[in-house]
Amino acid sequence: GKRYEKRGRKIAYLTRGAAKGVVTS
């Protein structure tokens, strides 16, 4: 429920696929 913040990660992604890759990893 909170915006995901982790060192080295972006706040927003331009594609859903890029965001899904971060979630998967």
PDB file of all heavy atoms in Angstrom:
ATOM      1  N   GLY A   1       0.770  -1.234   0.000  1.00  0.00           N
ATOM      2  CA  GLY A   1       0.000   0.000   0.000  1.00  0.00           C
ATOM      3  C   GLY A   1       0.805   1.290   0.000  1.00  0.00           C
ATOM      4  O   GLY A   1       0.238   2.365  -0.062  1.00  0.00           O
ATOM      5  N   LYS A   2       2.126   1.205   0.043  1.00  0.00           N
ATOM      6  CA  LYS A   2       2.978   2.397   0.030  1.00  0.00           C
ATOM      7  C   LYS A   2       3.844   2.386  -1.213  1.00  0.00           C
ATOM      8  O   LYS A   2       4.235   1.315  -1.693  1.00  0.00           O
ATOM      9  CB  LYS A   2       3.886   2.431   1.266  1.00  0.00           C
ATOM     10  CG  LYS A   2       3.123   2.518   2.569  1.00  0.00           C
ATOM     11  CD  LYS A   2       4.081   2.526   3.737  1.00  0.00           C
ATOM     12  CE  LYS A   2       3.303   2.546   5.043  1.00  0.00           C
ATOM     13  NZ  LYS A   2       4.187   2.452   6.196  1.00  0.00           N
ATOM     14  N   ARG A   3       4.135   3.590  -1.714  1.00  0.00           N
ATOM     15  CA  ARG A   3       4.991   3.662  -2.899  1.00  0.00           C
ATOM     16  C   ARG A   3       6.306   2.946  -2.609  1.00  0.00           C
ATOM     17  O   ARG A   3       6.926   3.156  -1.569  1.00  0.00           O
ATOM     18  CB  ARG A   3       5.245   5.114  -3.295  1.00  0.00           C
ATOM     19  CG  ARG A   3       5.914   5.199  -4.673  1.00  0.00           C
ATOM     20  CD  ARG A   3       6.115   6.599  -5.133  1.00  0.00           C
ATOM     21  NE  ARG A   3       7.254   7.116  -4.391  1.00  0.00           N
ATOM     22  CZ  ARG A   3       7.418   8.374  -4.039  1.00  0.00           C
ATOM     23  NH1 ARG A   3       6.536   9.269  -4.346  1.00  0.00           N
ATOM     24  NH2 ARG A   3       8.486   8.747  -3.365  1.00  0.00           N
ATOM     25  N   TYR A   4       6.701   2.103  -3.513  1.00  0.00           N
ATOM     26  CA  TYR A   4       7.895   1.283  -3.333  1.00  0.00           C
ATOM     27  C   TYR A   4       9.137   2.119  -3.544  1.00  0.00           C
ATOM     28  O   TYR A   4       9.322   2.721  -4.598  1.00  0.00           O
ATOM     29  CB  TYR A   4       7.864   0.113  -4.323  1.00  0.00           C
ATOM     30  CG  TYR A   4       9.002  -0.854  -4.183  1.00  0.00           C
ATOM     31  CD1 TYR A   4       9.266  -1.463  -2.968  1.00  0.00           C
ATOM     32  CD2 TYR A   4       9.800  -1.177  -5.255  1.00  0.00           C
ATOM     33  CE1 TYR A   4      10.304  -2.368  -2.834  1.00  0.00           C
ATOM     34  CE2 TYR A   4      10.828  -2.088  -5.146  1.00  0.00           C
ATOM     35  CZ  TYR A   4      11.078  -2.686  -3.929  1.00  0.00           C
ATOM     36  OH  TYR A   4      12.113  -3.578  -3.802  1.00  0.00           O
ATOM     37  N   GLU A   5       9.948   2.165  -2.517  1.00  0.00           N
ATOM     38  CA  GLU A   5      11.208   2.895  -2.594  1.00  0.00           C
ATOM     39  C   GLU A   5      12.328   1.969  -2.151  1.00  0.00           C
ATOM     40  O   GLU A   5      12.306   1.446  -1.044  1.00  0.00           O
ATOM     41  CB  GLU A   5      11.162   4.126  -1.697  1.00  0.00           C
ATOM     42  CG  GLU A   5      10.137   5.151  -2.144  1.00  0.00           C
ATOM     43  CD  GLU A   5      10.093   6.377  -1.248  1.00  0.00           C
ATOM     44  OE1 GLU A   5      11.048   6.593  -0.475  1.00  0.00           O
ATOM     45  OE2 GLU A   5       9.098   7.102  -1.314  1.00  0.00           O
ATOM     46  N   LYS A   6      13.250   1.760  -3.034  1.00  0.00           N
ATOM     47  CA  LYS A   6      14.419   0.945  -2.733  1.00  0.00           C
ATOM     48  C   LYS A   6      15.596   1.579  -3.445  1.00  0.00           C
ATOM     49  O   LYS A   6      15.476   2.028  -4.587  1.00  0.00           O
ATOM     50  CB  LYS A   6      14.215  -0.494  -3.214  1.00  0.00           C
ATOM     51  CG  LYS A   6      15.344  -1.418  -2.839  1.00  0.00           C
ATOM     52  CD  LYS A   6      15.059  -2.838  -3.284  1.00  0.00           C
ATOM     53  CE  LYS A   6      16.246  -3.709  -2.947  1.00  0.00           C
ATOM     54  NZ  LYS A   6      16.213  -4.980  -3.652  1.00  0.00           N
ATOM     55  N   ARG A   7      16.699   1.627  -2.775  1.00  0.00           N
ATOM     56  CA  ARG A   7      17.891   2.240  -3.353  1.00  0.00           C
ATOM     57  C   ARG A   7      18.189   1.615  -4.720  1.00  0.00           C
ATOM     58  O   ARG A   7      18.174   0.410  -4.889  1.00  0.00           O
ATOM     59  CB  ARG A   7      19.070   2.029  -2.417  1.00  0.00           C
ATOM     60  CG  ARG A   7      20.290   2.763  -2.850  1.00  0.00           C
ATOM     61  CD  ARG A   7      21.368   2.628  -1.830  1.00  0.00           C
ATOM     62  NE  ARG A   7      22.504   3.411  -2.277  1.00  0.00           N
ATOM     63  CZ  ARG A   7      23.632   3.472  -1.640  1.00  0.00           C
ATOM     64  NH1 ARG A   7      23.793   2.818  -0.517  1.00  0.00           N
ATOM     65  NH2 ARG A   7      24.617   4.189  -2.111  1.00  0.00           N
ATOM     66  N   GLY A   8      18.413   2.477  -5.685  1.00  0.00           N
ATOM     67  CA  GLY A   8      18.725   2.012  -7.030  1.00  0.00           C
ATOM     68  C   GLY A   8      17.509   1.770  -7.907  1.00  0.00           C
ATOM     69  O   GLY A   8      17.639   1.398  -9.063  1.00  0.00           O
ATOM     70  N   ARG A   9      16.317   1.964  -7.354  1.00  0.00           N
ATOM     71  CA  ARG A   9      15.094   1.764  -8.133  1.00  0.00           C
ATOM     72  C   ARG A   9      14.458   3.104  -8.468  1.00  0.00           C
ATOM     73  O   ARG A   9      14.511   4.047  -7.698  1.00  0.00           O
ATOM     74  CB  ARG A   9      14.084   0.904  -7.363  1.00  0.00           C
ATOM     75  CG  ARG A   9      14.542  -0.506  -7.116  1.00  0.00           C
ATOM     76  CD  ARG A   9      14.662  -1.252  -8.414  1.00  0.00           C
ATOM     77  NE  ARG A   9      14.897  -2.676  -8.182  1.00  0.00           N
ATOM     78  CZ  ARG A   9      15.346  -3.491  -9.097  1.00  0.00           C
ATOM     79  NH1 ARG A   9      15.636  -3.036 -10.304  1.00  0.00           N
ATOM     80  NH2 ARG A   9      15.530  -4.754  -8.835  1.00  0.00           N
ATOM     81  N   LYS A  10      13.826   3.161  -9.621  1.00  0.00           N
ATOM     82  CA  LYS A  10      13.146   4.386 -10.055  1.00  0.00           C
ATOM     83  C   LYS A  10      11.818   4.543  -9.303  1.00  0.00           C
ATOM     84  O   LYS A  10      11.290   3.589  -8.750  1.00  0.00           O
ATOM     85  CB  LYS A  10      12.852   4.315 -11.550  1.00  0.00           C
ATOM     86  CG  LYS A  10      14.090   4.253 -12.402  1.00  0.00           C
ATOM     87  CD  LYS A  10      13.688   4.126 -13.859  1.00  0.00           C
ATOM     88  CE  LYS A  10      14.903   4.000 -14.738  1.00  0.00           C
ATOM     89  NZ  LYS A  10      14.544   3.841 -16.141  1.00  0.00           N
ATOM     90  N   ILE A  11      11.274   5.734  -9.363  1.00  0.00           N
ATOM     91  CA  ILE A  11       9.964   5.991  -8.770  1.00  0.00           C
ATOM     92  C   ILE A  11       8.872   5.588  -9.753  1.00  0.00           C
ATOM     93  O   ILE A  11       7.835   5.064  -9.360  1.00  0.00           O
ATOM     94  CB  ILE A  11       9.828   7.480  -8.386  1.00  0.00           C
ATOM     95  CG1 ILE A  11      10.795   7.782  -7.242  1.00  0.00           C
ATOM     96  CG2 ILE A  11       8.404   7.821  -8.018  1.00  0.00           C
ATOM     97  CD1 ILE A  11      10.884   9.254  -6.895  1.00  0.00           C
ATOM     98  N   ALA A  12       9.096   5.815 -11.040  1.00  0.00           N
ATOM     99  CA  ALA A  12       8.104   5.495 -12.069  1.00  0.00           C
ATOM    100  C   ALA A  12       8.806   4.864 -13.265  1.00  0.00           C
ATOM    101  O   ALA A  12       9.982   5.129 -13.529  1.00  0.00           O
ATOM    102  CB  ALA A  12       7.366   6.759 -12.495  1.00  0.00           C
ATOM    103  N   TYR A  13       8.048   4.027 -13.983  1.00  0.00           N
ATOM    104  CA  TYR A  13       8.575   3.329 -15.151  1.00  0.00           C
ATOM    105  C   TYR A  13       7.725   3.678 -16.365  1.00  0.00           C
ATOM    106  O   TYR A  13       6.524   3.911 -16.249  1.00  0.00           O
ATOM    107  CB  TYR A  13       8.576   1.816 -14.897  1.00  0.00           C
ATOM    108  CG  TYR A  13       9.525   1.455 -13.783  1.00  0.00           C
ATOM    109  CD1 TYR A  13       9.122   1.521 -12.454  1.00  0.00           C
ATOM    110  CD2 TYR A  13      10.836   1.120 -14.051  1.00  0.00           C
ATOM    111  CE1 TYR A  13      10.001   1.234 -11.421  1.00  0.00           C
ATOM    112  CE2 TYR A  13      11.729   0.835 -13.027  1.00  0.00           C
ATOM    113  CZ  TYR A  13      11.300   0.900 -11.720  1.00  0.00           C
ATOM    114  OH  TYR A  13      12.184   0.638 -10.708  1.00  0.00           O
ATOM    115  N   LEU A  14       8.329   3.694 -17.533  1.00  0.00           N
ATOM    116  CA  LEU A  14       7.625   4.075 -18.753  1.00  0.00           C
ATOM    117  C   LEU A  14       6.816   2.938 -19.370  1.00  0.00           C
ATOM    118  O   LEU A  14       5.929   3.184 -20.174  1.00  0.00           O
ATOM    119  CB  LEU A  14       8.615   4.623 -19.784  1.00  0.00           C
ATOM    120  CG  LEU A  14       9.346   5.901 -19.356  1.00  0.00           C
ATOM    121  CD1 LEU A  14      10.339   6.315 -20.433  1.00  0.00           C
ATOM    122  CD2 LEU A  14       8.357   7.013 -19.072  1.00  0.00           C
ATOM    123  N   THR A  15       7.116   1.701 -18.983  1.00  0.00           N
ATOM    124  CA  THR A  15       6.345   0.565 -19.485  1.00  0.00           C
ATOM    125  C   THR A  15       5.958  -0.333 -18.309  1.00  0.00           C
ATOM    126  O   THR A  15       6.664  -0.415 -17.307  1.00  0.00           O
ATOM    127  CB  THR A  15       7.141  -0.281 -20.498  1.00  0.00           C
ATOM    128  OG1 THR A  15       8.259  -0.878 -19.838  1.00  0.00           O
ATOM    129  CG2 THR A  15       7.602   0.555 -21.678  1.00  0.00           C
ATOM    130  N   ARG A  16       4.817  -1.001 -18.475  1.00  0.00           N
ATOM    131  CA  ARG A  16       4.375  -1.945 -17.448  1.00  0.00           C
ATOM    132  C   ARG A  16       5.384  -3.100 -17.348  1.00  0.00           C
ATOM    133  O   ARG A  16       5.650  -3.613 -16.266  1.00  0.00           O
ATOM    134  CB  ARG A  16       2.985  -2.482 -17.776  1.00  0.00           C
ATOM    135  CG  ARG A  16       2.466  -3.477 -16.749  1.00  0.00           C
ATOM    136  CD  ARG A  16       1.044  -3.912 -17.034  1.00  0.00           C
ATOM    137  NE  ARG A  16       0.089  -2.854 -16.848  1.00  0.00           N
ATOM    138  CZ  ARG A  16      -0.434  -2.503 -15.675  1.00  0.00           C
ATOM    139  NH1 ARG A  16      -0.070  -3.129 -14.586  1.00  0.00           N
ATOM    140  NH2 ARG A  16      -1.308  -1.529 -15.595  1.00  0.00           N
ATOM    141  N   GLY A  17       5.958  -3.490 -18.473  1.00  0.00           N
ATOM    142  CA  GLY A  17       6.932  -4.582 -18.475  1.00  0.00           C
ATOM    143  C   GLY A  17       8.153  -4.279 -17.618  1.00  0.00           C
ATOM    144  O   GLY A  17       8.651  -5.161 -16.914  1.00  0.00           O
ATOM    145  N   ALA A  18       8.632  -3.049 -17.680  1.00  0.00           N
ATOM    146  CA  ALA A  18       9.782  -2.670 -16.852  1.00  0.00           C
ATOM    147  C   ALA A  18       9.421  -2.740 -15.368  1.00  0.00           C
ATOM    148  O   ALA A  18      10.205  -3.229 -14.552  1.00  0.00           O
ATOM    149  CB  ALA A  18      10.262  -1.271 -17.222  1.00  0.00           C
ATOM    150  N   ALA A  19       8.236  -2.266 -15.024  1.00  0.00           N
ATOM    151  CA  ALA A  19       7.794  -2.315 -13.624  1.00  0.00           C
ATOM    152  C   ALA A  19       7.617  -3.762 -13.175  1.00  0.00           C
ATOM    153  O   ALA A  19       8.008  -4.125 -12.050  1.00  0.00           O
ATOM    154  CB  ALA A  19       6.490  -1.537 -13.456  1.00  0.00           C
ATOM    155  N   LYS A  20       7.062  -4.608 -14.040  1.00  0.00           N
ATOM    156  CA  LYS A  20       6.879  -6.020 -13.696  1.00  0.00           C
ATOM    157  C   LYS A  20       8.222  -6.714 -13.485  1.00  0.00           C
ATOM    158  O   LYS A  20       8.353  -7.582 -12.625  1.00  0.00           O
ATOM    159  CB  LYS A  20       6.089  -6.735 -14.786  1.00  0.00           C
ATOM    160  CG  LYS A  20       4.610  -6.406 -14.762  1.00  0.00           C
ATOM    161  CD  LYS A  20       3.861  -7.075 -15.891  1.00  0.00           C
ATOM    162  CE  LYS A  20       3.573  -8.501 -15.538  1.00  0.00           C
ATOM    163  NZ  LYS A  20       2.700  -9.166 -16.523  1.00  0.00           N
ATOM    164  N   GLY A  21       9.226  -6.325 -14.267  1.00  0.00           N
ATOM    165  CA  GLY A  21      10.559  -6.904 -14.097  1.00  0.00           C
ATOM    166  C   GLY A  21      11.130  -6.599 -12.724  1.00  0.00           C
ATOM    167  O   GLY A  21      11.750  -7.462 -12.092  1.00  0.00           O
ATOM    168  N   VAL A  22      10.913  -5.382 -12.253  1.00  0.00           N
ATOM    169  CA  VAL A  22      11.382  -5.000 -10.911  1.00  0.00           C
ATOM    170  C   VAL A  22      10.644  -5.807  -9.852  1.00  0.00           C
ATOM    171  O   VAL A  22      11.249  -6.333  -8.914  1.00  0.00           O
ATOM    172  CB  VAL A  22      11.190  -3.483 -10.676  1.00  0.00           C
ATOM    173  CG1 VAL A  22      11.429  -3.119  -9.223  1.00  0.00           C
ATOM    174  CG2 VAL A  22      12.118  -2.691 -11.580  1.00  0.00           C
ATOM    175  N   VAL A  23       9.332  -5.935 -10.001  1.00  0.00           N
ATOM    176  CA  VAL A  23       8.536  -6.699  -9.033  1.00  0.00           C
ATOM    177  C   VAL A  23       8.994  -8.155  -9.005  1.00  0.00           C
ATOM    178  O   VAL A  23       9.173  -8.742  -7.935  1.00  0.00           O
ATOM    179  CB  VAL A  23       7.025  -6.601  -9.352  1.00  0.00           C
ATOM    180  CG1 VAL A  23       6.218  -7.590  -8.526  1.00  0.00           C
ATOM    181  CG2 VAL A  23       6.527  -5.185  -9.112  1.00  0.00           C
ATOM    182  N   THR A  24       9.210  -8.740 -10.162  1.00  0.00           N
ATOM    183  CA  THR A  24       9.661 -10.125 -10.239  1.00  0.00           C
ATOM    184  C   THR A  24      11.001 -10.304  -9.550  1.00  0.00           C
ATOM    185  O   THR A  24      11.185 -11.203  -8.718  1.00  0.00           O
ATOM    186  CB  THR A  24       9.757 -10.579 -11.706  1.00  0.00           C
ATOM    187  OG1 THR A  24       8.462 -10.484 -12.301  1.00  0.00           O
ATOM    188  CG2 THR A  24      10.271 -12.001 -11.821  1.00  0.00           C
ATOM    189  N   SER A  25      11.942  -9.450  -9.861  1.00  0.00           N
ATOM    190  CA  SER A  25      13.278  -9.545  -9.290  1.00  0.00           C
ATOM    191  C   SER A  25      13.270  -9.326  -7.778  1.00  0.00           C
ATOM    192  O   SER A  25      13.836 -10.117  -7.019  1.00  0.00           O
ATOM    193  CB  SER A  25      14.187  -8.512  -9.958  1.00  0.00           C
ATOM    194  OG  SER A  25      15.442  -8.477  -9.335  1.00  0.00           O
TER     195      SER A  25
END
